[in-house]
Protein backbone atom coordinates (compact mmCIF):
# COMPACT_ATOMS: atom_id res chain seq x y z
CA MET A 1 95.00 90.96 108.58
CA GLY A 2 94.04 91.11 104.30
CA ILE A 3 97.36 89.18 103.69
CA ILE A 4 96.22 86.37 106.27
CA ILE A 5 93.32 86.28 104.72
CA THR A 6 94.17 86.01 101.12
CA LEU A 7 96.46 82.99 101.99
CA ILE A 8 93.87 80.82 103.93
CA VAL A 9 91.49 81.34 100.93
CA GLY A 10 94.38 81.07 98.06
CA GLY A 11 95.34 77.79 100.39
CA ILE A 12 91.53 76.50 100.12
CA ILE A 13 91.19 77.29 96.41
CA GLY A 14 94.76 75.57 95.47
CA TRP A 15 93.65 72.66 97.41
CA LEU A 16 90.31 72.14 95.84
CA ALA A 17 91.89 72.95 92.65
CA SER A 18 94.73 70.38 93.06
CA ILE A 19 91.87 67.49 93.73
CA VAL A 20 89.94 68.54 90.87
CA MET A 21 93.05 67.81 88.42
CA ARG A 22 94.17 64.94 90.57
CA THR A 23 97.70 66.36 91.98
CA ASP A 24 96.55 66.90 95.02
CA ALA A 25 99.17 64.11 96.41
CA GLN A 26 102.58 65.75 94.38
CA GLN A 27 101.64 69.02 96.66
CA GLY A 28 101.93 70.45 99.87
CA ILE A 29 99.97 73.41 101.41
CA LEU A 30 102.74 75.99 100.40
CA LEU A 31 102.05 75.12 97.03
CA ASN A 32 98.74 74.67 97.39
CA ILE A 33 98.38 78.52 98.54
CA VAL A 34 100.73 79.54 95.61
CA VAL A 35 98.39 78.02 92.90
CA GLY A 36 95.48 79.48 94.87
CA VAL A 37 97.19 82.91 94.63
CA VAL A 38 98.46 83.10 91.32
CA GLY A 39 94.88 81.16 90.21
CA ALA A 40 93.02 84.16 91.75
CA PHE A 41 95.68 86.89 89.57
CA LEU A 42 94.58 84.72 86.77
CA GLY A 43 91.40 84.11 86.96
CA ASN A 44 91.08 88.02 87.39
CA ILE A 45 92.23 88.47 83.68
CA LEU A 46 90.04 85.73 82.52
CA GLY A 47 87.53 87.03 84.13
CA GLY A 48 87.81 91.01 82.62
CA MET A 49 88.11 89.48 79.29
CA PHE A 50 84.74 88.32 79.52
CA GLY A 51 83.83 91.21 81.87
CA MET A 52 82.81 89.46 84.53
CA GLY A 53 86.42 90.08 86.43
CA ALA A 54 86.12 90.75 90.14
CA THR A 55 88.48 93.10 91.82
CA LEU A 56 90.88 91.20 93.98
CA SER A 57 90.34 93.64 97.26
CA SER A 58 86.30 92.18 97.38
CA PHE A 59 85.26 88.91 98.99
CA ASN A 60 82.41 87.86 96.94
CA PRO A 61 81.53 84.64 95.16
CA ILE A 62 82.18 85.36 91.56
CA GLY A 63 85.24 86.36 92.68
CA LEU A 64 85.87 83.03 94.35
CA LEU A 65 84.38 81.24 91.04
CA TRP A 66 87.08 83.42 88.83
CA ALA A 67 89.92 82.22 91.42
CA PHE A 68 88.77 78.62 91.18
CA ILE A 69 89.08 78.26 87.43
CA GLY A 70 92.28 80.36 87.36
CA ALA A 71 93.38 77.91 89.54
CA LEU A 72 92.47 75.40 87.64
CA VAL A 73 93.87 77.05 84.20
CA LEU A 74 96.91 77.36 86.06
CA LEU A 75 97.09 73.75 86.96
CA ALA A 76 96.49 72.39 83.76
CA ILE A 77 99.62 74.66 81.97
CA VAL A 78 101.33 72.95 84.61
CA ASN A 79 100.37 69.30 83.91
CA MET A 80 101.02 70.15 79.99
CA VAL A 81 104.53 71.57 80.25
CA ARG A 82 105.74 68.59 82.96
CA ARG A 83 103.93 65.75 81.23
CA GLY A 84 103.10 67.02 77.56
CA ARG A 85 99.01 66.08 78.35
CA VAL A 86 96.29 67.46 81.17
CA ARG A 87 94.77 64.81 83.16
């Protein structure tokens, strides 16, 4: 059951991040899920560097915020590699 919740929440986080970064038209639901899940791992690492990391097994607002920030950073990196600039 935990993997299903992770995929659903990852899809929502990835979708919201793609709307903010204006890449929603280029991505499908599968890529939104990948961006959300990978962004959660990246956000956990970033949060840990600032001493505010949340465990990935806990479902809390701080963890969701760091997952969203991680997804934004991931999309910014992809945009820089793909286009040479951040939107």
